[in-house]
Every structure is written in C-alpha cells, then in structure tokens.
C-alpha cells in the first residue's frame, strides 16, 4: 500500500483521485465515484466531495493508498 501526504487537515475525495493521477480529470473522478468504483475505509463511497483526513484508506482500480 502506498501513502499520500496531505498538506491540509482534509482533502476532498475527487481531488485526491486527481492528485494521485488515478483519474485524468475532475469529471472522470466524479464519474468513477458515482459508479461506485471507489472505496473509503473498505466501504463504497458515493460522495464526491467527501472530506478525507489522515489515516483514511482509499481504494480504486486495484490501487490502495493511506493518507498521512
């Protein structure tokens, strides 16, 4: 599992997918979230602007990252 350091207290889920280059655009990030393809802490997450904090684990398309 890789790690990703967030600079602020939170990062939005759709912004994280773009920052990790898991999605090419914000629209693509929103679409994969809408389609139920992203998991946060093991559960499917449908909120595009879900506020993620350090310690959160995000999974998408065979990738897994922990926020630090």
C-alpha atoms as a PDB file:
ATOM      1  CA  UNK A   1       0.000   0.000   0.000  1.00  0.00           C
ATOM      2  CA  UNK A   2       1.336   3.420  -0.898  1.00  0.00           C
ATOM      3  CA  UNK A   3       0.979   6.545   1.212  1.00  0.00           C
ATOM      4  CA  UNK A   4      -0.001  10.092   0.252  1.00  0.00           C
ATOM      5  CA  UNK A   5       0.815  13.098   2.402  1.00  0.00           C
ATOM      6  CA  UNK A   6      -1.921  15.693   2.624  1.00  0.00           C
ATOM      7  CA  UNK A   7      -0.820  19.260   3.273  1.00  0.00           C
ATOM      8  CA  UNK A   8      -4.036  20.493   4.889  1.00  0.00           C
ATOM      9  CA  UNK A   9      -6.285  18.892   7.520  1.00  0.00           C
ATOM     10  CA  UNK A  10      -8.529  17.407   4.813  1.00  0.00           C
ATOM     11  CA  UNK A  11      -8.612  16.596   1.097  1.00  0.00           C
ATOM     12  CA  UNK A  12     -11.743  16.014  -0.957  1.00  0.00           C
ATOM     13  CA  UNK A  13     -12.146  12.551  -2.472  1.00  0.00           C
ATOM     14  CA  UNK A  14     -12.390  13.753  -6.081  1.00  0.00           C
ATOM     15  CA  UNK A  15      -9.320  15.978  -5.605  1.00  0.00           C
ATOM     16  CA  UNK A  16      -7.369  13.026  -4.196  1.00  0.00           C
ATOM     17  CA  UNK A  17      -8.111  10.847  -7.219  1.00  0.00           C
ATOM     18  CA  UNK A  18      -6.749  13.590  -9.472  1.00  0.00           C
ATOM     19  CA  UNK A  19      -3.718  14.281  -7.251  1.00  0.00           C
ATOM     20  CA  UNK A  20      -2.770  10.585  -7.355  1.00  0.00           C
ATOM     21  CA  UNK A  21      -3.184  10.568 -11.166  1.00  0.00           C
ATOM     22  CA  UNK A  22      -5.732   7.779 -10.767  1.00  0.00           C
ATOM     23  CA  UNK A  23      -8.106   9.944 -12.844  1.00  0.00           C
ATOM     24  CA  UNK A  24      -7.216  12.322 -15.654  1.00  0.00           C
ATOM     25  CA  UNK A  25      -9.817  14.954 -14.796  1.00  0.00           C
ATOM     26  CA  UNK A  26     -12.248  16.050 -12.132  1.00  0.00           C
ATOM     27  CA  UNK A  27     -15.125  14.897 -14.340  1.00  0.00           C
ATOM     28  CA  UNK A  28     -13.619  11.412 -14.608  1.00  0.00           C
ATOM     29  CA  UNK A  29     -13.063  11.326 -10.833  1.00  0.00           C
ATOM     30  CA  UNK A  30     -16.698  12.286 -10.240  1.00  0.00           C
ATOM     31  CA  UNK A  31     -17.881   9.615 -12.691  1.00  0.00           C
ATOM     32  CA  UNK A  32     -15.936   6.751 -11.074  1.00  0.00           C
ATOM     33  CA  UNK A  33     -17.224   7.839  -7.655  1.00  0.00           C
ATOM     34  CA  UNK A  34     -20.815   7.982  -8.994  1.00  0.00           C
ATOM     35  CA  UNK A  35     -20.340   4.500 -10.460  1.00  0.00           C
ATOM     36  CA  UNK A  36     -19.438   3.095  -7.024  1.00  0.00           C
ATOM     37  CA  UNK A  37     -15.880   2.166  -8.006  1.00  0.00           C
ATOM     38  CA  UNK A  38     -14.124   3.914  -5.100  1.00  0.00           C
ATOM     39  CA  UNK A  39     -13.883   2.589  -1.552  1.00  0.00           C
ATOM     40  CA  UNK A  40     -13.045   4.617   1.533  1.00  0.00           C
ATOM     41  CA  UNK A  41     -12.014   2.581   4.576  1.00  0.00           C
ATOM     42  CA  UNK A  42     -13.384  -0.562   2.910  1.00  0.00           C
ATOM     43  CA  UNK A  43     -16.848   0.810   2.013  1.00  0.00           C
ATOM     44  CA  UNK A  44     -18.107   2.114  -1.330  1.00  0.00           C
ATOM     45  CA  UNK A  45     -18.165   5.919  -1.209  1.00  0.00           C
ATOM     46  CA  UNK A  46     -20.582   7.894  -3.398  1.00  0.00           C
ATOM     47  CA  UNK A  47     -19.882  11.396  -2.029  1.00  0.00           C
ATOM     48  CA  UNK A  48     -17.580  13.174  -4.476  1.00  0.00           C
ATOM     49  CA  UNK A  49     -16.636  15.880  -2.004  1.00  0.00           C
ATOM     50  CA  UNK A  50     -16.203  13.543   0.979  1.00  0.00           C
ATOM     51  CA  UNK A  51     -13.683  15.166   3.308  1.00  0.00           C
ATOM     52  CA  UNK A  52     -10.844  12.742   3.934  1.00  0.00           C
ATOM     53  CA  UNK A  53      -8.421  13.013   6.856  1.00  0.00           C
ATOM     54  CA  UNK A  54      -5.078  11.444   7.736  1.00  0.00           C
ATOM     55  CA  UNK A  55      -5.355   7.713   8.376  1.00  0.00           C
ATOM     56  CA  UNK A  56      -8.040   7.202   5.718  1.00  0.00           C
ATOM     57  CA  UNK A  57      -7.522   4.351   3.231  1.00  0.00           C
ATOM     58  CA  UNK A  58      -8.809   4.823  -0.319  1.00  0.00           C
ATOM     59  CA  UNK A  59      -9.070   2.064  -2.942  1.00  0.00           C
ATOM     60  CA  UNK A  60      -9.717   2.344  -6.676  1.00  0.00           C
ATOM     61  CA  UNK A  61      -8.912   0.197  -9.706  1.00  0.00           C
ATOM     62  CA  UNK A  62      -6.566  -2.137  -7.842  1.00  0.00           C
ATOM     63  CA  UNK A  63      -4.727   0.751  -6.154  1.00  0.00           C
ATOM     64  CA  UNK A  64      -4.738   1.413  -2.419  1.00  0.00           C
ATOM     65  CA  UNK A  65      -3.423   4.471  -0.579  1.00  0.00           C
ATOM     66  CA  UNK A  66      -3.285   5.596   3.037  1.00  0.00           C
ATOM     67  CA  UNK A  67      -3.381   9.308   3.796  1.00  0.00           C
ATOM     68  CA  UNK A  68      -0.626  10.542   6.086  1.00  0.00           C
END
